[in-house]
Amino acid sequence: ETQSKSSYLVETVKQHYLQHSRIKRLMNPAKSLPIEQSYINLAIVTVKEQYKKEQQLHSTQYDDSILNSYEEIYGMKTAIDVKDIFQSCEREEKQILVFGRAGIGKSTFCRYIAYQWAKGSYWSQYELLALIPLQRLTTIRNIFICKT
């Protein structure tokens, strides 16, 4: 029975990802695009590399070289195919942190990953892929605080 409940949960999650696979347009929210038609440009920046380069930036004198150093820090990235994203994980637990400025496509990218997993295109070796939209958690917390 536990196996049956687990299978039901996984299938329910997959169906949710498949059913919510469209992206609303900013200019016309009534129209939407299939998530598969969204272009996702992906690059990896390792924390160690970024930290070293940020330290170099802070130790540089304030002149034109600062702009060049800034470009070196945030401009040097390793391109990676979406399907290979979990292969870059060194630890046994496969965890990915996606961050960037607002509106750059972090949520869309995460939804795309969940959709591809649910469809069976990528990462079928994982029994469950959990997408946790943190912006909703913040909204829920804010609503809770307002009502108390």
Protein backbone atom coordinates (compact mmCIF):
# COMPACT_ATOMS: atom_id res chain seq x y z
CA GLU A 1 0.00 0.00 0.00
CA THR A 2 2.88 2.40 0.77
CA GLN A 3 4.33 1.76 -2.71
CA SER A 4 0.93 2.50 -4.22
CA LYS A 5 0.63 5.81 -2.33
CA SER A 6 4.17 6.75 -3.35
CA SER A 7 3.46 5.97 -7.02
CA TYR A 8 0.23 7.94 -6.86
CA LEU A 9 2.06 10.93 -5.38
CA VAL A 10 4.76 10.84 -8.08
CA GLU A 11 2.17 10.58 -10.87
CA THR A 12 0.14 13.43 -9.37
CA VAL A 13 3.24 15.64 -9.24
CA LYS A 14 4.11 14.74 -12.84
CA GLN A 15 0.59 15.57 -14.01
CA HIS A 16 0.76 18.92 -12.23
CA TYR A 17 4.04 19.81 -13.99
CA LEU A 18 2.62 18.73 -17.36
CA GLN A 19 -0.63 20.66 -16.91
CA HIS A 20 1.16 23.86 -15.86
CA SER A 21 3.52 23.94 -18.81
CA ARG A 22 2.55 27.25 -20.37
CA ILE A 23 4.07 30.69 -19.80
CA LYS A 24 1.87 33.77 -19.74
CA ARG A 25 3.01 36.64 -21.91
CA LEU A 26 3.81 39.87 -20.11
CA MET A 27 2.11 42.13 -22.64
CA ASN A 28 -0.92 39.89 -23.12
CA PRO A 29 -1.49 37.54 -20.15
CA ALA A 30 -4.54 36.04 -21.87
CA LYS A 31 -2.18 34.37 -24.35
CA SER A 32 0.47 31.89 -23.36
CA LEU A 33 3.39 29.99 -24.86
CA PRO A 34 4.28 26.33 -24.40
CA ILE A 35 7.26 26.14 -22.06
CA GLU A 36 9.12 24.04 -24.64
CA GLN A 37 9.20 27.05 -26.96
CA SER A 38 10.98 29.17 -24.37
CA TYR A 39 14.65 29.73 -24.93
CA ILE A 40 16.74 28.98 -21.89
CA ASN A 41 20.36 30.05 -21.89
CA LEU A 42 22.15 28.22 -19.10
CA ALA A 43 25.59 28.73 -17.63
CA ILE A 44 27.35 27.55 -14.49
CA VAL A 45 29.39 29.78 -12.22
CA THR A 46 31.16 27.94 -9.41
CA VAL A 47 31.11 29.59 -6.00
CA LYS A 48 34.87 29.25 -5.50
CA GLU A 49 35.70 30.92 -8.82
CA GLN A 50 33.24 33.74 -8.20
CA TYR A 51 34.50 34.33 -4.64
CA LYS A 52 38.13 34.57 -5.78
CA LYS A 53 37.25 37.01 -8.54
CA GLU A 54 35.10 39.12 -6.21
CA GLN A 55 38.05 39.34 -3.79
CA GLN A 56 40.24 40.53 -6.66
CA LEU A 57 37.62 43.14 -7.56
CA HIS A 58 37.54 44.50 -4.00
CA SER A 59 41.33 44.72 -3.82
CA THR A 60 41.58 46.59 -7.15
CA GLN A 61 42.03 50.35 -7.12
CA TYR A 62 38.99 52.33 -8.23
CA ASP A 63 39.66 53.07 -11.87
CA ASP A 64 38.72 51.73 -15.30
CA SER A 65 40.05 48.29 -14.40
CA ILE A 66 37.11 47.84 -12.00
CA LEU A 67 34.69 47.60 -14.89
CA ASN A 68 36.94 45.04 -16.56
CA SER A 69 37.18 43.04 -13.31
CA TYR A 70 33.40 43.15 -12.91
CA GLU A 71 33.01 41.80 -16.43
CA GLU A 72 35.50 39.03 -15.65
CA ILE A 73 33.53 37.97 -12.57
CA TYR A 74 30.08 37.96 -14.03
CA GLY A 75 30.98 37.49 -17.68
CA MET A 76 32.95 34.24 -17.41
CA LYS A 77 30.55 31.36 -17.32
CA THR A 78 30.62 27.76 -18.50
CA ALA A 79 27.80 26.99 -20.91
CA ILE A 80 25.97 23.76 -20.15
CA ASP A 81 23.13 21.86 -21.76
CA VAL A 82 20.02 21.69 -19.57
CA LYS A 83 19.94 17.89 -19.62
CA ASP A 84 23.48 17.79 -18.16
CA ILE A 85 22.85 20.11 -15.22
CA PHE A 86 22.83 17.40 -12.54
CA GLN A 87 26.03 15.80 -13.89
CA SER A 88 28.02 18.79 -12.67
CA CYS A 89 27.08 18.04 -9.03
CA GLU A 90 30.02 16.62 -7.11
CA ARG A 91 28.05 15.43 -4.09
CA GLU A 92 25.82 12.36 -3.97
CA GLU A 93 22.77 14.52 -3.28
CA LYS A 94 21.92 16.32 -6.50
CA GLN A 95 20.95 19.88 -5.63
CA ILE A 96 20.97 22.91 -7.87
CA LEU A 97 20.76 26.54 -6.75
CA VAL A 98 19.36 28.87 -9.39
CA PHE A 99 19.84 32.56 -8.72
CA GLY A 100 19.93 35.81 -10.61
CA ARG A 101 18.30 39.21 -10.78
CA ALA A 102 14.50 39.55 -10.90
CA GLY A 103 12.88 38.76 -14.22
CA ILE A 104 15.82 36.89 -15.70
CA GLY A 105 13.92 33.58 -15.98
CA LYS A 106 14.79 31.57 -12.88
CA SER A 107 11.22 30.41 -12.27
CA THR A 108 10.69 29.64 -15.95
CA PHE A 109 13.90 27.63 -16.03
CA CYS A 110 12.87 25.62 -12.95
CA ARG A 111 9.42 24.97 -14.41
CA TYR A 112 11.10 23.84 -17.63
CA ILE A 113 13.24 21.35 -15.71
CA ALA A 114 10.17 20.01 -13.87
CA TYR A 115 8.26 19.73 -17.15
CA GLN A 116 11.07 17.82 -18.88
CA TRP A 117 11.31 15.42 -15.94
CA ALA A 118 7.54 14.85 -15.85
CA LYS A 119 7.51 14.22 -19.60
CA GLY A 120 10.26 11.63 -19.19
CA SER A 121 12.66 13.45 -21.51
CA TYR A 122 15.39 13.97 -18.91
CA TRP A 123 16.38 12.63 -15.50
CA SER A 124 14.18 9.53 -15.45
CA GLN A 125 16.59 8.02 -12.90
CA TYR A 126 15.09 10.35 -10.27
CA GLU A 127 11.88 9.10 -8.69
CA LEU A 128 10.68 12.57 -7.71
CA LEU A 129 11.67 16.07 -8.70
CA ALA A 130 10.34 18.65 -6.23
CA LEU A 131 9.90 22.20 -7.47
CA ILE A 132 9.58 24.59 -4.53
CA PRO A 133 8.73 28.13 -5.69
CA LEU A 134 10.19 30.23 -2.89
CA GLN A 135 8.44 33.42 -4.00
CA ARG A 136 5.15 31.76 -3.06
CA LEU A 137 6.48 30.90 0.39
CA THR A 138 7.36 34.56 0.93
CA THR A 139 3.90 35.63 -0.23
CA ILE A 140 2.22 33.12 2.08
CA ARG A 141 4.37 34.32 5.00
CA ASN A 142 3.45 37.92 4.23
CA ILE A 143 -0.26 37.05 4.09
CA PHE A 144 0.03 35.19 7.38
CA ILE A 145 1.76 38.11 9.06
CA CYS A 146 -0.85 40.56 7.78
CA LYS A 147 -3.74 38.49 9.15
CA THR A 148 -2.37 38.04 12.66
